[in-house]
C-alpha atoms as a PDB file:
ATOM      1  CA  UNK A   1      38.011   0.457  20.882  1.00  0.00           C
ATOM      2  CA  UNK A   2      37.009   3.564  22.830  1.00  0.00           C
ATOM      3  CA  UNK A   3      33.454   4.521  23.852  1.00  0.00           C
ATOM      4  CA  UNK A   4      33.183   7.247  21.161  1.00  0.00           C
ATOM      5  CA  UNK A   5      34.245   4.845  18.420  1.00  0.00           C
ATOM      6  CA  UNK A   6      31.848   2.148  19.717  1.00  0.00           C
ATOM      7  CA  UNK A   7      28.997   4.667  19.834  1.00  0.00           C
ATOM      8  CA  UNK A   8      29.797   5.842  16.292  1.00  0.00           C
ATOM      9  CA  UNK A   9      29.863   2.276  14.980  1.00  0.00           C
ATOM     10  CA  UNK A  10      26.570   1.495  16.732  1.00  0.00           C
ATOM     11  CA  UNK A  11      24.971   4.624  15.220  1.00  0.00           C
ATOM     12  CA  UNK A  12      26.118   3.581  11.732  1.00  0.00           C
ATOM     13  CA  UNK A  13      24.643   0.103  12.187  1.00  0.00           C
ATOM     14  CA  UNK A  14      21.311   1.583  13.341  1.00  0.00           C
ATOM     15  CA  UNK A  15      21.180   3.947  10.329  1.00  0.00           C
ATOM     16  CA  UNK A  16      21.832   1.072   7.914  1.00  0.00           C
ATOM     17  CA  UNK A  17      19.282  -1.188   9.673  1.00  0.00           C
ATOM     18  CA  UNK A  18      16.601   1.523   9.641  1.00  0.00           C
ATOM     19  CA  UNK A  19      17.285   2.215   5.954  1.00  0.00           C
ATOM     20  CA  UNK A  20      16.923  -1.471   5.067  1.00  0.00           C
ATOM     21  CA  UNK A  21      13.791  -1.875   7.207  1.00  0.00           C
ATOM     22  CA  UNK A  22      12.108   1.217   5.755  1.00  0.00           C
ATOM     23  CA  UNK A  23      12.922   0.096   2.213  1.00  0.00           C
ATOM     24  CA  UNK A  24      11.308  -3.278   2.943  1.00  0.00           C
ATOM     25  CA  UNK A  25       8.206  -1.612   4.371  1.00  0.00           C
ATOM     26  CA  UNK A  26       7.823   0.608   1.311  1.00  0.00           C
ATOM     27  CA  UNK A  27       8.309  -2.191  -1.247  1.00  0.00           C
ATOM     28  CA  UNK A  28       5.238  -3.668  -2.929  1.00  0.00           C
ATOM     29  CA  UNK A  29       5.799  -7.421  -2.661  1.00  0.00           C
ATOM     30  CA  UNK A  30       3.974 -10.137  -4.557  1.00  0.00           C
ATOM     31  CA  UNK A  31       1.093 -11.935  -2.898  1.00  0.00           C
ATOM     32  CA  UNK A  32      -0.649 -15.101  -4.085  1.00  0.00           C
ATOM     33  CA  UNK A  33       1.908 -15.668  -6.850  1.00  0.00           C
ATOM     34  CA  UNK A  34       4.030 -18.769  -7.383  1.00  0.00           C
ATOM     35  CA  UNK A  35       6.881 -18.254  -9.866  1.00  0.00           C
ATOM     36  CA  UNK A  36       8.754 -21.176 -11.401  1.00  0.00           C
ATOM     37  CA  UNK A  37      11.820 -20.655 -13.565  1.00  0.00           C
ATOM     38  CA  UNK A  38      11.426 -23.135 -16.420  1.00  0.00           C
ATOM     39  CA  UNK A  39      14.670 -22.280 -18.155  1.00  0.00           C
ATOM     40  CA  UNK A  40      17.592 -19.907 -18.386  1.00  0.00           C
ATOM     41  CA  UNK A  41      20.272 -19.652 -21.046  1.00  0.00           C
ATOM     42  CA  UNK A  42      23.040 -17.139 -21.695  1.00  0.00           C
ATOM     43  CA  UNK A  43      23.608 -15.786 -25.193  1.00  0.00           C
ATOM     44  CA  UNK A  44      26.393 -13.633 -26.601  1.00  0.00           C
ATOM     45  CA  UNK A  45      25.614 -10.621 -28.789  1.00  0.00           C
ATOM     46  CA  UNK A  46      22.269 -11.071 -30.532  1.00  0.00           C
ATOM     47  CA  UNK A  47      21.676  -9.650 -33.992  1.00  0.00           C
ATOM     48  CA  UNK A  48      18.474 -11.055 -35.481  1.00  0.00           C
ATOM     49  CA  UNK A  49      16.591  -9.890 -38.525  1.00  0.00           C
ATOM     50  CA  UNK A  50      13.527 -11.776 -39.615  1.00  0.00           C
ATOM     51  CA  UNK A  51      11.357 -11.035 -42.623  1.00  0.00           C
ATOM     52  CA  UNK A  52       8.273 -12.606 -44.012  1.00  0.00           C
ATOM     53  CA  UNK A  53       7.515 -12.754 -47.702  1.00  0.00           C
ATOM     54  CA  UNK A  54       6.465 -10.342 -48.912  1.00  0.00           C
ATOM     55  CA  UNK A  55       8.821  -8.359 -46.722  1.00  0.00           C
ATOM     56  CA  UNK A  56       6.351  -5.491 -46.348  1.00  0.00           C
ATOM     57  CA  UNK A  57       3.998  -7.645 -44.277  1.00  0.00           C
ATOM     58  CA  UNK A  58       6.107  -8.532 -41.263  1.00  0.00           C
ATOM     59  CA  UNK A  59       9.538  -7.744 -39.861  1.00  0.00           C
ATOM     60  CA  UNK A  60      11.344  -8.304 -36.576  1.00  0.00           C
ATOM     61  CA  UNK A  61      14.613  -6.981 -35.216  1.00  0.00           C
ATOM     62  CA  UNK A  62      16.384  -7.885 -31.983  1.00  0.00           C
ATOM     63  CA  UNK A  63      19.862  -6.585 -31.304  1.00  0.00           C
ATOM     64  CA  UNK A  64      21.878  -6.637 -28.106  1.00  0.00           C
ATOM     65  CA  UNK A  65      25.427  -5.699 -27.182  1.00  0.00           C
ATOM     66  CA  UNK A  66      27.053  -7.947 -24.654  1.00  0.00           C
ATOM     67  CA  UNK A  67      25.799 -11.173 -23.172  1.00  0.00           C
ATOM     68  CA  UNK A  68      22.141 -11.690 -22.310  1.00  0.00           C
ATOM     69  CA  UNK A  69      20.305 -14.033 -19.993  1.00  0.00           C
ATOM     70  CA  UNK A  70      17.074 -15.376 -21.481  1.00  0.00           C
ATOM     71  CA  UNK A  71      14.570 -16.730 -18.974  1.00  0.00           C
ATOM     72  CA  UNK A  72      11.342 -18.683 -19.390  1.00  0.00           C
ATOM     73  CA  UNK A  73       9.180 -18.146 -16.308  1.00  0.00           C
ATOM     74  CA  UNK A  74       5.799 -19.599 -15.283  1.00  0.00           C
ATOM     75  CA  UNK A  75       3.694 -17.385 -12.978  1.00  0.00           C
ATOM     76  CA  UNK A  76       0.620 -18.849 -11.287  1.00  0.00           C
ATOM     77  CA  UNK A  77      -1.556 -16.132  -9.758  1.00  0.00           C
ATOM     78  CA  UNK A  78      -4.338 -16.980  -7.296  1.00  0.00           C
ATOM     79  CA  UNK A  79      -7.649 -15.127  -7.403  1.00  0.00           C
ATOM     80  CA  UNK A  80      -6.896 -11.728  -5.841  1.00  0.00           C
ATOM     81  CA  UNK A  81      -3.139 -12.330  -6.173  1.00  0.00           C
ATOM     82  CA  UNK A  82      -0.740  -9.620  -7.300  1.00  0.00           C
ATOM     83  CA  UNK A  83       2.823  -9.438  -8.538  1.00  0.00           C
ATOM     84  CA  UNK A  84       3.322  -6.174  -6.640  1.00  0.00           C
ATOM     85  CA  UNK A  85       4.744  -3.118  -8.371  1.00  0.00           C
ATOM     86  CA  UNK A  86       8.019  -3.980 -10.103  1.00  0.00           C
ATOM     87  CA  UNK A  87      10.109  -3.634 -13.250  1.00  0.00           C
ATOM     88  CA  UNK A  88      12.608  -5.715 -15.210  1.00  0.00           C
ATOM     89  CA  UNK A  89      15.921  -4.566 -16.735  1.00  0.00           C
ATOM     90  CA  UNK A  90      14.873  -5.858 -20.171  1.00  0.00           C
ATOM     91  CA  UNK A  91      11.779  -6.756 -22.196  1.00  0.00           C
ATOM     92  CA  UNK A  92       9.381  -9.628 -21.524  1.00  0.00           C
ATOM     93  CA  UNK A  93       6.950 -11.350 -23.870  1.00  0.00           C
ATOM     94  CA  UNK A  94       4.045 -12.491 -21.697  1.00  0.00           C
ATOM     95  CA  UNK A  95       1.419 -15.050 -22.732  1.00  0.00           C
ATOM     96  CA  UNK A  96      -1.679 -15.655 -20.608  1.00  0.00           C
ATOM     97  CA  UNK A  97      -2.360 -19.389 -20.678  1.00  0.00           C
ATOM     98  CA  UNK A  98      -5.130 -19.664 -18.084  1.00  0.00           C
ATOM     99  CA  UNK A  99      -7.657 -17.249 -16.606  1.00  0.00           C
ATOM    100  CA  UNK A 100      -7.023 -13.540 -17.020  1.00  0.00           C
ATOM    101  CA  UNK A 101      -4.683 -10.899 -15.615  1.00  0.00           C
ATOM    102  CA  UNK A 102      -5.039  -7.156 -15.302  1.00  0.00           C
ATOM    103  CA  UNK A 103      -1.875  -5.199 -16.115  1.00  0.00           C
ATOM    104  CA  UNK A 104      -1.459  -1.802 -14.456  1.00  0.00           C
ATOM    105  CA  UNK A 105       1.270   0.462 -15.880  1.00  0.00           C
ATOM    106  CA  UNK A 106       2.720   3.211 -13.668  1.00  0.00           C
ATOM    107  CA  UNK A 107       2.621   5.753 -16.483  1.00  0.00           C
ATOM    108  CA  UNK A 108      -0.471   7.587 -17.639  1.00  0.00           C
ATOM    109  CA  UNK A 109      -3.311   9.009 -15.619  1.00  0.00           C
ATOM    110  CA  UNK A 110      -4.498   6.708 -12.804  1.00  0.00           C
ATOM    111  CA  UNK A 111      -2.487   3.756 -14.145  1.00  0.00           C
ATOM    112  CA  UNK A 112      -5.101   2.536 -16.621  1.00  0.00           C
ATOM    113  CA  UNK A 113      -5.762  -1.230 -16.387  1.00  0.00           C
ATOM    114  CA  UNK A 114      -5.551  -3.575 -19.356  1.00  0.00           C
ATOM    115  CA  UNK A 115      -7.144  -7.002 -19.073  1.00  0.00           C
ATOM    116  CA  UNK A 116      -5.570  -9.952 -20.900  1.00  0.00           C
ATOM    117  CA  UNK A 117      -7.442 -13.268 -21.150  1.00  0.00           C
ATOM    118  CA  UNK A 118      -6.114 -16.765 -21.841  1.00  0.00           C
ATOM    119  CA  UNK A 119      -4.759 -16.978 -25.393  1.00  0.00           C
ATOM    120  CA  UNK A 120      -3.652 -13.345 -25.482  1.00  0.00           C
ATOM    121  CA  UNK A 121      -0.280 -11.829 -24.827  1.00  0.00           C
ATOM    122  CA  UNK A 122       1.470  -8.534 -24.303  1.00  0.00           C
ATOM    123  CA  UNK A 123       4.930  -7.001 -24.150  1.00  0.00           C
ATOM    124  CA  UNK A 124       6.480  -5.535 -21.033  1.00  0.00           C
ATOM    125  CA  UNK A 125       9.183  -3.231 -22.424  1.00  0.00           C
ATOM    126  CA  UNK A 126      11.271  -3.404 -19.226  1.00  0.00           C
ATOM    127  CA  UNK A 127      13.735  -0.713 -18.225  1.00  0.00           C
ATOM    128  CA  UNK A 128      11.994   2.043 -16.280  1.00  0.00           C
ATOM    129  CA  UNK A 129       8.528   0.601 -17.033  1.00  0.00           C
ATOM    130  CA  UNK A 130       7.021  -0.117 -13.604  1.00  0.00           C
ATOM    131  CA  UNK A 131       3.930  -2.314 -13.639  1.00  0.00           C
ATOM    132  CA  UNK A 132       1.784  -4.716 -11.610  1.00  0.00           C
ATOM    133  CA  UNK A 133      -0.238  -7.748 -12.645  1.00  0.00           C
ATOM    134  CA  UNK A 134      -3.302  -8.666 -10.626  1.00  0.00           C
ATOM    135  CA  UNK A 135      -5.750 -11.538 -10.944  1.00  0.00           C
ATOM    136  CA  UNK A 136      -9.120  -9.802 -10.677  1.00  0.00           C
ATOM    137  CA  UNK A 137     -10.933 -12.775 -12.210  1.00  0.00           C
ATOM    138  CA  UNK A 138     -12.837 -15.641 -10.617  1.00  0.00           C
ATOM    139  CA  UNK A 139     -10.354 -18.420 -11.408  1.00  0.00           C
ATOM    140  CA  UNK A 140      -6.591 -18.879 -11.008  1.00  0.00           C
ATOM    141  CA  UNK A 141      -4.478 -17.263 -13.733  1.00  0.00           C
ATOM    142  CA  UNK A 142      -1.226 -18.409 -15.289  1.00  0.00           C
ATOM    143  CA  UNK A 143       1.268 -16.636 -17.506  1.00  0.00           C
ATOM    144  CA  UNK A 144       4.427 -17.730 -19.281  1.00  0.00           C
ATOM    145  CA  UNK A 145       7.042 -15.008 -19.778  1.00  0.00           C
ATOM    146  CA  UNK A 146      10.145 -15.004 -21.955  1.00  0.00           C
ATOM    147  CA  UNK A 147      12.537 -12.379 -20.638  1.00  0.00           C
ATOM    148  CA  UNK A 148      15.617 -10.955 -22.387  1.00  0.00           C
ATOM    149  CA  UNK A 149      17.885  -9.361 -19.779  1.00  0.00           C
ATOM    150  CA  UNK A 150      21.490  -8.168 -19.477  1.00  0.00           C
ATOM    151  CA  UNK A 151      23.658 -11.032 -18.246  1.00  0.00           C
ATOM    152  CA  UNK A 152      23.826 -11.193 -14.466  1.00  0.00           C
ATOM    153  CA  UNK A 153      21.098  -8.581 -13.904  1.00  0.00           C
ATOM    154  CA  UNK A 154      18.387  -9.162 -11.326  1.00  0.00           C
ATOM    155  CA  UNK A 155      15.358 -10.630 -13.103  1.00  0.00           C
ATOM    156  CA  UNK A 156      12.892  -8.539 -11.104  1.00  0.00           C
ATOM    157  CA  UNK A 157      13.282  -5.153  -9.410  1.00  0.00           C
ATOM    158  CA  UNK A 158      10.670  -4.369  -6.741  1.00  0.00           C
ATOM    159  CA  UNK A 159       9.341  -0.816  -6.797  1.00  0.00           C
ATOM    160  CA  UNK A 160      10.153   0.997  -3.546  1.00  0.00           C
ATOM    161  CA  UNK A 161       6.504   2.074  -3.184  1.00  0.00           C
ATOM    162  CA  UNK A 162       3.165   2.175  -4.975  1.00  0.00           C
ATOM    163  CA  UNK A 163       3.280   4.774  -7.792  1.00  0.00           C
ATOM    164  CA  UNK A 164       1.190   7.904  -7.098  1.00  0.00           C
ATOM    165  CA  UNK A 165      -2.386   7.667  -8.359  1.00  0.00           C
ATOM    166  CA  UNK A 166      -2.201   3.905  -8.904  1.00  0.00           C
ATOM    167  CA  UNK A 167      -4.176   1.160  -7.159  1.00  0.00           C
ATOM    168  CA  UNK A 168      -2.581  -0.714  -4.274  1.00  0.00           C
END
């Protein structure tokens, strides 16, 4: 290998290394969070329709094309802990089972916070919905999430940086 080719290869390696390092610096990683995967199962196409009687009171519909991975995840968040800014490729049903969490959504003006206490729950729609959970309470918090994701997809996608106008 000649000197020009060696220099070119070295330059390419440096560009890739700098790109990876800068991406890591810009990411918003979790801190004070312990995540335990309680279960994972793969399902084929899902086509569910549920109705309550009378039908006008309650309805549910879940439909997927292609296989899905369904996760059950336990997140324990220390006081002051944060999940970091992230998204998921599919929806999550999140139940707060201890303490409270503050959910910040990257859309809207100044990422308005929503506080959820033990016994309450909320839906993270997934997709392009970037959010962060933070324990701003005085005791540890714990959530259980059921996630419906495309088969083989990463369960969590870290945001490359903090959304503009949102808290750190």
